[in-house]
Amino acid sequence: MPSPTPPARALLISFGGTSAPLRIALREFQPTVVWYFCSHDSRASAEQSHAELTGQTVPPTQAEFLECSNHEELDSCYAELRHWLSRLPQKWAVLPEHVCVDYTGGTKTMSAALVLAATECFTRFSYVGGHQRAAGLVLDGHEVRHEQPNPWRALAIREIEQAALLWKEQQYAAAALILRKAKAQVPLDQRPAFDFVITLAGALADRLALQLKAAATKLRKLADKIADLPPDDPRGELRDFCHRACQRLTAGEAAAGPAADPTAQLRELLDNALLTARLGRYDDASARLYRALELYGQNELARLTDGAFQLGQLKRDTLPPEVAGCEVFKDAATAFTKARRGIALEEVYRVLAHLGHARAMAAAADFDGPDSLKSAWRQATQRRNQSILAHGVQPVGVTGFEALAHLTTQTTGCQMESVDLPPPALNPAWFAHNFHP
């Protein structure tokens, strides 16, 4: 059975006035093709050096010469290199991981441009230096080739910066996608730190999507990982957030019935509305505020009827006597059926007002008063009711959201000026390579 053909390997090298770096790189890297980045003045020397040296290498090496138009202008060199590098790997059927970039030769401008352009494409770099020098040049026979990783890839600097920008805009899923790709490129000892931040991104995305149980599960996992971190570890700053968020999300999660803590549930919903508004999604944010108004009333009704009502629905076989005389249930023939089916937002507040609930009495006086259509309650709630996510097609907009937020504060007593439990900002220090949970 014949041996498989080895993959094509390319050496991308900036060529200057000496062939020593080329000789060392050819000998140690053994490329199948050399891409020479050279000036007009050094082109002939590069061609001559290639002809003289490649006969000494195995396998025989081909060449392509990339002659820059102005070797002293950084922007010109960089632009031309980016153009060439966009086509060379495909033309020569070389995978990016099989390219080594040597930036020893050429002018300082050419070397700088080569590193700038090549860090966007390749992972392996080399530089030929040495300790024995004369007139600033390494003496023949004393050259040492230093191979090193792409610092952008090894440290994932650009990816972390991109993820931080997305994180700031609460695009957590997109940030996690970038970090997953970067994780595959960084050294093994850095990967646990990436896993940590990716999990945190997933938790914040779940929270924003109101997947409270999923978010709490991820945050609990993170809380366990950071429990024993040393005091100076930057991830320690997340301890308070993880514990508070875990406690609130777990208490507020209500997939199987009423929340363990209605106050935590309400505050989380209000925070979610504010975070959604930051995205400019005012219709979505207003829908959350409207639900918060409704949920607050429903939870208060459950409290004042000793659990007879849950989420606005009667859960007992008879209507509690303390609400039987309320205007909402004035029709005795349909009162029980109506209560079992569930009562709407304003009806919930009318029942609460009947029970003497102070905030509900103020709300009912507003929307049932003589000028109810122009009341603050109706003006704010109608904006949401006319949105495309409710019963109309009109966008709520920032003004409508702010009006509903003000009404929510008045009705529930909860402040809406800022997020009570803000998500943490991404800290690049979280990616420190010494993180071993």
Protein backbone atom coordinates (compact mmCIF):
# COMPACT_ATOMS: atom_id res chain seq x y z
CA MET A 1 0.00 0.00 0.00
CA PRO A 2 1.59 3.33 -1.07
CA SER A 3 2.31 5.93 1.59
CA PRO A 4 -0.10 8.88 1.64
CA THR A 5 1.11 12.02 -0.08
CA PRO A 6 2.26 14.54 2.55
CA PRO A 7 0.28 17.80 2.60
CA ALA A 8 1.60 20.81 0.75
CA ARG A 9 3.56 23.21 2.95
CA ALA A 10 4.22 26.86 2.21
CA LEU A 11 6.84 29.25 3.55
CA LEU A 12 5.81 32.91 3.40
CA ILE A 13 8.96 34.95 3.90
CA SER A 14 9.93 38.60 3.73
CA PHE A 15 13.16 38.74 1.74
CA GLY A 16 15.90 41.31 2.31
CA GLY A 17 19.56 41.60 1.53
CA THR A 18 20.76 38.27 2.92
CA SER A 19 19.80 34.71 2.11
CA ALA A 20 20.74 33.28 5.53
CA PRO A 21 17.19 33.41 7.00
CA LEU A 22 15.91 31.72 3.84
CA ARG A 23 18.51 28.98 4.05
CA ILE A 24 17.65 28.23 7.69
CA ALA A 25 13.88 28.28 7.09
CA LEU A 26 14.14 26.03 4.02
CA ARG A 27 16.24 23.53 5.87
CA GLU A 28 14.04 23.34 8.97
CA PHE A 29 10.52 23.81 7.56
CA GLN A 30 10.95 21.86 4.28
CA PRO A 31 8.25 23.71 2.29
CA THR A 32 6.89 22.61 -1.06
CA VAL A 33 6.41 26.22 -2.13
CA VAL A 34 7.93 29.52 -1.03
CA TRP A 35 6.04 32.79 -1.29
CA TYR A 36 8.61 35.59 -1.36
CA PHE A 37 7.49 39.00 -0.15
CA CYS A 38 10.09 41.30 -1.69
CA SER A 39 10.69 44.78 -3.02
CA HIS A 40 11.51 45.64 -6.63
CA ASP A 41 15.18 46.01 -5.66
CA SER A 42 15.36 42.64 -3.89
CA ARG A 43 13.34 40.62 -6.43
CA ALA A 44 16.35 39.53 -8.50
CA SER A 45 18.28 38.57 -5.37
CA ALA A 46 15.32 36.54 -4.12
CA GLU A 47 15.07 34.67 -7.43
CA GLN A 48 18.80 33.97 -7.41
CA SER A 49 18.78 32.76 -3.79
CA HIS A 50 15.83 30.51 -4.50
CA ALA A 51 17.57 28.94 -7.47
CA GLU A 52 20.76 28.37 -5.49
CA LEU A 53 19.22 27.08 -2.28
CA THR A 54 16.18 25.04 -3.27
CA GLY A 55 18.29 22.42 -5.01
CA GLN A 56 19.61 21.61 -1.55
CA THR A 57 16.15 21.03 -0.06
CA VAL A 58 13.91 17.97 -0.10
CA PRO A 59 11.37 17.96 -1.61
CA PRO A 60 12.08 20.38 -4.49
CA THR A 61 10.53 23.74 -3.78
CA GLN A 62 8.49 25.97 -6.08
CA ALA A 63 8.21 29.71 -5.73
CA GLU A 64 5.97 32.72 -6.22
CA PHE A 65 7.28 36.25 -5.87
CA LEU A 66 5.09 38.94 -4.28
CA GLU A 67 6.68 42.22 -5.24
CA CYS A 68 5.37 45.16 -3.23
CA SER A 69 4.98 48.48 -5.03
CA ASN A 70 6.32 50.63 -2.17
CA HIS A 71 8.37 48.83 0.47
CA GLU A 72 8.50 51.86 2.79
CA GLU A 73 4.72 52.43 3.10
CA LEU A 74 2.97 50.29 5.67
CA ASP A 75 -0.55 50.72 4.34
CA SER A 76 0.50 49.88 0.79
CA CYS A 77 2.42 46.75 1.86
CA TYR A 78 -0.42 45.62 4.11
CA ALA A 79 -3.11 46.11 1.45
CA GLU A 80 -1.14 44.22 -1.20
CA LEU A 81 -0.37 41.37 1.17
CA ARG A 82 -4.01 40.99 2.16
CA HIS A 83 -4.92 40.75 -1.52
CA TRP A 84 -2.29 38.10 -2.20
CA LEU A 85 -3.03 36.10 0.92
CA SER A 86 -6.71 35.88 0.04
CA ARG A 87 -5.87 33.72 -3.02
CA LEU A 88 -2.48 32.04 -2.46
CA PRO A 89 -3.55 29.13 -0.19
CA GLN A 90 -6.29 28.10 -2.61
CA LYS A 91 -4.08 28.54 -5.66
CA TRP A 92 -1.36 26.29 -4.22
CA ALA A 93 -3.76 23.95 -2.37
CA VAL A 94 -2.13 24.69 0.99
CA LEU A 95 -4.13 24.62 4.21
CA PRO A 96 -3.59 27.68 6.44
CA GLU A 97 -2.21 25.50 9.26
CA HIS A 98 0.51 24.30 6.87
CA VAL A 99 1.86 27.79 6.23
CA CYS A 100 4.82 29.18 8.17
CA VAL A 101 5.46 32.92 8.09
CA ASP A 102 9.07 34.11 8.45
CA TYR A 103 9.36 37.86 8.98
CA THR A 104 13.14 38.12 9.42
CA GLY A 105 14.14 39.81 6.17
CA GLY A 106 13.06 42.90 4.26
CA THR A 107 12.60 46.42 5.53
CA LYS A 108 11.06 46.99 8.94
CA THR A 109 7.94 48.24 7.17
CA MET A 110 7.70 45.05 5.13
CA SER A 111 8.16 42.86 8.22
CA ALA A 112 5.52 44.83 10.12
CA ALA A 113 3.06 44.58 7.24
CA LEU A 114 3.73 40.86 6.88
CA VAL A 115 2.98 40.17 10.55
CA LEU A 116 -0.13 42.35 10.49
CA ALA A 117 -1.57 40.67 7.41
CA ALA A 118 -0.48 37.12 8.20
CA THR A 119 -1.89 37.07 11.75
CA GLU A 120 -5.34 37.24 10.16
CA CYS A 121 -4.75 34.00 8.23
CA PHE A 122 -2.03 31.76 9.67
CA THR A 123 -0.93 30.24 12.96
CA ARG A 124 2.84 29.57 12.62
CA PHE A 125 5.52 32.26 12.62
CA SER A 126 9.28 32.21 12.72
CA TYR A 127 12.18 34.61 13.08
CA VAL A 128 15.87 33.94 12.52
CA GLY A 129 18.13 35.62 15.07
CA GLY A 130 21.32 34.95 17.01
CA HIS A 131 23.61 36.25 19.74
CA GLN A 132 26.79 36.66 17.66
CA ARG A 133 26.51 39.88 15.68
CA ALA A 134 28.67 42.29 13.73
CA ALA A 135 27.41 45.69 12.61
CA GLY A 136 23.94 44.63 13.79
CA LEU A 137 23.88 41.50 11.60
CA VAL A 138 23.92 37.92 12.85
CA LEU A 139 27.19 36.25 11.92
CA ASP A 140 27.00 33.39 9.42
CA GLY A 141 26.81 30.05 11.13
CA HIS A 142 25.37 31.53 14.34
CA GLU A 143 21.77 31.87 13.16
CA VAL A 144 18.97 30.47 15.33
CA ARG A 145 15.43 30.03 14.05
CA HIS A 146 12.68 30.75 16.56
CA GLU A 147 9.28 29.27 15.68
CA GLN A 148 6.34 30.69 17.56
CA PRO A 149 2.54 30.71 17.46
CA ASN A 150 0.39 33.50 16.14
CA PRO A 151 -0.09 35.70 19.24
CA TRP A 152 -3.59 36.64 18.09
CA ARG A 153 -4.53 32.96 17.96
CA ALA A 154 -2.60 31.86 21.05
CA LEU A 155 -4.18 34.57 23.18
CA ALA A 156 -7.39 34.88 21.12
CA ILE A 157 -7.11 38.64 21.55
CA ARG A 158 -9.23 39.61 18.58
CA GLU A 159 -11.85 36.98 19.31
CA ILE A 160 -12.12 38.14 22.92
CA GLU A 161 -12.45 41.75 21.78
CA GLN A 162 -15.18 40.79 19.29
CA ALA A 163 -16.96 38.72 21.93
CA ALA A 164 -16.77 41.64 24.36
CA LEU A 165 -18.47 43.94 21.85
CA LEU A 166 -21.26 41.42 21.29
CA TRP A 167 -21.50 40.81 25.03
CA LYS A 168 -21.99 44.53 25.64
CA GLU A 169 -24.94 44.44 23.24
CA GLN A 170 -26.31 41.34 25.06
CA GLN A 171 -25.70 39.14 22.02
CA TYR A 172 -24.56 36.31 24.26
CA ALA A 173 -25.18 33.44 21.85
CA ALA A 174 -23.10 35.16 19.16
CA ALA A 175 -20.34 35.89 21.67
CA ALA A 176 -20.32 32.23 22.74
CA LEU A 177 -20.03 31.12 19.11
CA ILE A 178 -16.90 33.23 18.63
CA LEU A 179 -15.40 31.96 21.87
CA ARG A 180 -16.07 28.31 20.94
CA LYS A 181 -14.11 28.78 17.72
CA ALA A 182 -11.30 30.55 19.58
CA LYS A 183 -11.17 27.83 22.21
CA ALA A 184 -10.05 25.30 19.57
CA GLN A 185 -7.04 27.52 18.73
CA VAL A 186 -5.70 28.41 22.16
CA PRO A 187 -3.34 26.22 24.25
CA LEU A 188 -4.94 23.42 26.25
CA ASP A 189 -4.36 25.07 29.61
CA GLN A 190 -6.41 28.11 28.53
CA ARG A 191 -9.45 26.16 27.39
CA PRO A 192 -11.11 25.71 30.81
CA ALA A 193 -11.29 29.50 31.10
CA PHE A 194 -13.05 29.68 27.73
CA ASP A 195 -15.47 26.97 28.82
CA PHE A 196 -16.24 29.02 31.91
CA VAL A 197 -17.10 32.16 29.94
CA ILE A 198 -19.04 30.21 27.30
CA THR A 199 -21.19 28.69 30.06
CA LEU A 200 -21.76 32.15 31.55
CA ALA A 201 -22.80 33.46 28.12
CA GLY A 202 -25.28 30.61 27.82
CA ALA A 203 -26.73 31.40 31.25
CA LEU A 204 -27.18 35.08 30.39
CA ALA A 205 -28.80 34.18 27.06
CA ASP A 206 -31.20 31.82 28.85
CA ARG A 207 -32.02 34.49 31.38
CA LEU A 208 -32.80 37.03 28.67
CA ALA A 209 -35.05 34.45 26.98
CA LEU A 210 -36.88 33.87 30.30
CA GLN A 211 -35.54 30.31 30.48
CA LEU A 212 -35.04 30.73 34.20
CA LYS A 213 -34.50 27.08 35.13
CA ALA A 214 -31.87 26.57 32.42
CA ALA A 215 -30.10 29.78 33.41
CA ALA A 216 -30.11 28.82 37.10
CA THR A 217 -28.64 25.39 36.31
CA LYS A 218 -25.72 26.92 34.40
CA LEU A 219 -25.09 29.56 37.05
CA ARG A 220 -25.09 26.95 39.79
CA LYS A 221 -22.43 25.06 37.86
CA LEU A 222 -20.34 28.22 37.63
CA ALA A 223 -20.85 29.04 41.30
CA ASP A 224 -19.42 25.64 42.21
CA LYS A 225 -16.39 26.24 39.99
CA ILE A 226 -15.52 29.60 41.49
CA ALA A 227 -16.23 28.66 45.10
CA ASP A 228 -12.60 27.79 45.81
CA LEU A 229 -10.81 30.29 43.57
CA PRO A 230 -8.06 32.32 45.24
CA PRO A 231 -8.99 35.89 46.24
CA ASP A 232 -6.95 37.47 43.45
CA ASP A 233 -8.59 35.45 40.65
CA PRO A 234 -10.63 37.84 38.45
CA ARG A 235 -13.47 35.34 38.16
CA GLY A 236 -14.05 35.78 41.87
CA GLU A 237 -15.92 38.99 41.06
CA LEU A 238 -18.71 36.80 39.69
CA ARG A 239 -19.40 35.05 43.00
CA ASP A 240 -22.04 37.54 44.17
CA PHE A 241 -23.78 37.61 40.80
CA CYS A 242 -23.87 33.81 40.48
CA HIS A 243 -25.26 33.32 43.98
CA ARG A 244 -27.83 36.12 43.76
CA ALA A 245 -28.93 35.14 40.27
CA CYS A 246 -29.15 31.45 41.19
CA GLN A 247 -31.28 32.24 44.21
CA ARG A 248 -33.58 34.61 42.34
CA LEU A 249 -34.02 32.50 39.21
CA THR A 250 -34.68 29.34 41.21
CA ALA A 251 -37.21 31.12 43.44
CA GLY A 252 -38.86 32.84 40.49
CA GLU A 253 -39.06 29.81 38.19
CA ALA A 254 -42.66 28.61 37.98
CA ALA A 255 -42.90 25.99 35.25
CA ALA A 256 -44.74 23.57 37.55
CA GLY A 257 -46.95 26.05 39.41
CA PRO A 258 -46.73 29.28 41.43
CA ALA A 259 -43.27 30.67 42.07
CA ALA A 260 -41.66 29.93 45.41
CA ASP A 261 -41.04 33.66 45.78
CA PRO A 262 -43.46 35.91 43.85
CA THR A 263 -41.38 38.98 44.70
CA ALA A 264 -38.25 37.45 43.14
CA GLN A 265 -40.29 36.39 40.14
CA LEU A 266 -41.67 39.89 39.63
CA ARG A 267 -38.29 41.59 40.06
CA GLU A 268 -36.70 39.23 37.54
CA LEU A 269 -39.45 39.94 35.03
CA LEU A 270 -38.97 43.68 35.48
CA ASP A 271 -35.20 43.33 35.07
CA ASN A 272 -35.82 41.31 31.94
CA ALA A 273 -38.04 44.06 30.54
CA LEU A 274 -35.33 46.66 31.12
CA LEU A 275 -32.64 44.45 29.55
CA THR A 276 -34.89 43.79 26.55
CA ALA A 277 -35.50 47.52 26.16
CA ARG A 278 -31.72 48.04 25.96
CA LEU A 279 -31.83 46.01 22.76
CA GLY A 280 -34.32 48.47 21.28
CA ARG A 281 -37.03 45.78 21.37
CA TYR A 282 -39.67 47.98 22.99
CA ASP A 283 -42.65 45.87 21.94
CA ASP A 284 -41.09 42.81 23.58
CA ALA A 285 -40.08 44.84 26.62
CA SER A 286 -43.58 46.32 26.98
CA ALA A 287 -45.12 42.86 26.74
CA ARG A 288 -42.97 41.90 29.72
CA LEU A 289 -44.06 44.99 31.66
CA TYR A 290 -47.71 44.30 30.89
CA ARG A 291 -47.26 40.75 32.15
CA ALA A 292 -45.52 42.13 35.25
CA LEU A 293 -48.54 44.33 36.01
CA GLU A 294 -50.81 41.34 35.57
CA LEU A 295 -48.56 38.99 37.53
CA TYR A 296 -48.25 41.40 40.44
CA GLY A 297 -52.04 41.63 40.66
CA GLN A 298 -52.46 37.87 40.37
CA ASN A 299 -49.89 37.19 43.09
CA GLU A 300 -51.49 39.73 45.41
CA LEU A 301 -54.88 38.16 44.77
CA ALA A 302 -53.45 34.74 45.66
CA ARG A 303 -51.99 36.18 48.85
CA LEU A 304 -55.20 37.94 49.96
CA THR A 305 -57.42 34.91 49.22
CA ASP A 306 -55.08 32.41 50.88
CA GLY A 307 -54.34 30.72 47.55
CA ALA A 308 -57.95 30.42 46.36
CA PHE A 309 -56.87 32.22 43.17
CA GLN A 310 -53.68 31.26 41.31
CA LEU A 311 -52.59 33.29 38.28
CA GLY A 312 -56.05 34.84 38.19
CA GLN A 313 -57.93 31.53 38.18
CA LEU A 314 -60.11 30.16 40.97
CA LYS A 315 -58.69 26.83 42.15
CA ARG A 316 -61.42 25.93 44.68
CA ASP A 317 -64.93 24.57 44.38
CA THR A 318 -66.59 27.73 45.66
CA LEU A 319 -65.96 31.44 45.30
CA PRO A 320 -64.43 32.87 48.50
CA PRO A 321 -67.07 34.87 50.38
CA GLU A 322 -64.77 37.89 50.68
CA VAL A 323 -64.85 38.42 46.89
CA ALA A 324 -68.39 37.22 46.18
CA GLY A 325 -69.81 40.71 46.55
CA CYS A 326 -67.32 42.27 44.13
CA GLU A 327 -68.67 43.99 41.00
CA VAL A 328 -66.61 41.58 38.88
CA PHE A 329 -68.77 38.67 40.11
CA LYS A 330 -72.12 40.50 40.29
CA ASP A 331 -73.81 37.96 38.02
CA ALA A 332 -74.27 35.07 40.41
CA ALA A 333 -75.19 32.66 37.60
CA THR A 334 -71.85 33.08 35.82
CA ALA A 335 -69.57 34.18 38.66
CA PHE A 336 -68.15 30.76 39.46
CA THR A 337 -67.56 29.84 35.81
CA LYS A 338 -65.91 33.17 35.16
CA ALA A 339 -63.63 32.82 38.18
CA ARG A 340 -62.62 29.29 37.19
CA ARG A 341 -61.87 30.43 33.64
CA GLY A 342 -59.71 33.29 34.88
CA ILE A 343 -60.16 37.02 35.13
CA ALA A 344 -58.34 39.64 33.05
CA LEU A 345 -55.90 42.33 34.11
CA GLU A 346 -58.27 45.13 35.11
CA GLU A 347 -60.71 42.68 36.71
CA VAL A 348 -57.91 41.38 38.92
CA TYR A 349 -57.29 44.92 40.16
CA ARG A 350 -61.02 45.54 40.72
CA VAL A 351 -61.17 42.45 42.92
CA LEU A 352 -58.05 43.60 44.79
CA ALA A 353 -59.59 47.04 45.25
CA HIS A 354 -62.71 45.36 46.64
CA LEU A 355 -60.43 43.62 49.15
CA GLY A 356 -58.96 46.98 50.21
CA HIS A 357 -55.60 46.70 48.46
CA ALA A 358 -54.28 50.30 48.45
CA ARG A 359 -52.35 50.24 45.17
CA ALA A 360 -55.15 48.40 43.41
CA MET A 361 -57.67 50.93 44.69
CA ALA A 362 -55.59 53.75 43.17
CA ALA A 363 -55.30 51.85 39.86
CA ALA A 364 -59.05 51.07 39.71
CA ALA A 365 -59.90 54.68 40.49
CA ASP A 366 -57.74 55.67 37.53
CA PHE A 367 -59.09 53.28 34.90
CA ASP A 368 -62.70 53.33 36.18
CA GLY A 369 -62.85 57.08 36.84
CA PRO A 370 -64.91 59.66 34.94
CA ASP A 371 -62.07 60.36 32.51
CA SER A 372 -60.83 56.79 32.24
CA LEU A 373 -59.94 56.85 28.52
CA LYS A 374 -57.40 59.59 29.16
CA SER A 375 -56.12 58.13 32.41
CA ALA A 376 -52.44 57.28 32.85
CA TRP A 377 -53.36 53.60 33.20
CA ARG A 378 -55.29 53.41 29.95
CA GLN A 379 -52.86 55.59 28.02
CA ALA A 380 -49.98 53.32 29.02
CA THR A 381 -51.68 49.95 28.62
CA GLN A 382 -53.34 50.86 25.32
CA ARG A 383 -49.92 51.48 23.76
CA ARG A 384 -49.06 47.87 24.47
CA ASN A 385 -52.52 46.59 23.44
CA GLN A 386 -52.19 48.30 20.06
CA SER A 387 -48.79 46.73 19.36
CA ILE A 388 -48.27 43.97 16.83
CA LEU A 389 -47.48 41.59 19.71
CA ALA A 390 -50.93 42.21 21.20
CA HIS A 391 -54.02 43.24 19.22
CA GLY A 392 -52.81 45.85 16.74
CA VAL A 393 -49.94 46.76 14.45
CA GLN A 394 -48.54 49.94 15.99
CA PRO A 395 -45.03 49.82 17.47
CA VAL A 396 -44.80 50.76 21.13
CA GLY A 397 -41.58 52.76 20.82
CA VAL A 398 -39.43 54.15 23.59
CA THR A 399 -42.09 56.64 24.74
CA GLY A 400 -44.70 53.95 25.13
CA PHE A 401 -42.27 51.73 27.01
CA GLU A 402 -41.32 54.54 29.39
CA ALA A 403 -44.98 55.34 30.09
CA LEU A 404 -45.69 51.71 30.90
CA ALA A 405 -42.55 51.50 33.06
CA HIS A 406 -43.73 54.54 35.06
CA LEU A 407 -47.16 52.97 35.52
CA THR A 408 -45.54 49.71 36.63
CA THR A 409 -43.50 51.52 39.27
CA GLN A 410 -46.60 53.29 40.60
CA THR A 411 -48.66 50.11 40.69
CA THR A 412 -46.13 47.59 42.02
CA GLY A 413 -43.87 49.86 44.06
CA CYS A 414 -40.81 48.44 42.24
CA GLN A 415 -38.23 50.87 40.86
CA MET A 416 -37.68 50.80 37.11
CA GLU A 417 -34.81 53.27 36.86
CA SER A 418 -32.16 50.57 36.59
CA VAL A 419 -31.71 46.80 36.47
CA ASP A 420 -31.67 45.45 40.02
CA LEU A 421 -29.40 42.49 39.12
CA PRO A 422 -27.37 43.63 36.10
CA PRO A 423 -25.47 41.04 34.05
CA PRO A 424 -21.70 41.18 34.47
CA ALA A 425 -19.61 42.85 31.78
CA LEU A 426 -17.10 40.58 30.06
CA ASN A 427 -13.67 40.93 31.66
CA PRO A 428 -10.75 39.85 29.42
CA ALA A 429 -8.89 38.83 32.58
CA TRP A 430 -11.31 35.89 32.91
CA PHE A 431 -9.35 34.18 30.15
CA ALA A 432 -6.15 33.96 32.18
CA HIS A 433 -4.29 30.76 31.27
CA ASN A 434 -3.84 29.70 34.91
CA PHE A 435 -7.53 29.05 35.53
CA HIS A 436 -8.06 25.42 36.55
CA PRO A 437 -11.48 24.95 38.16
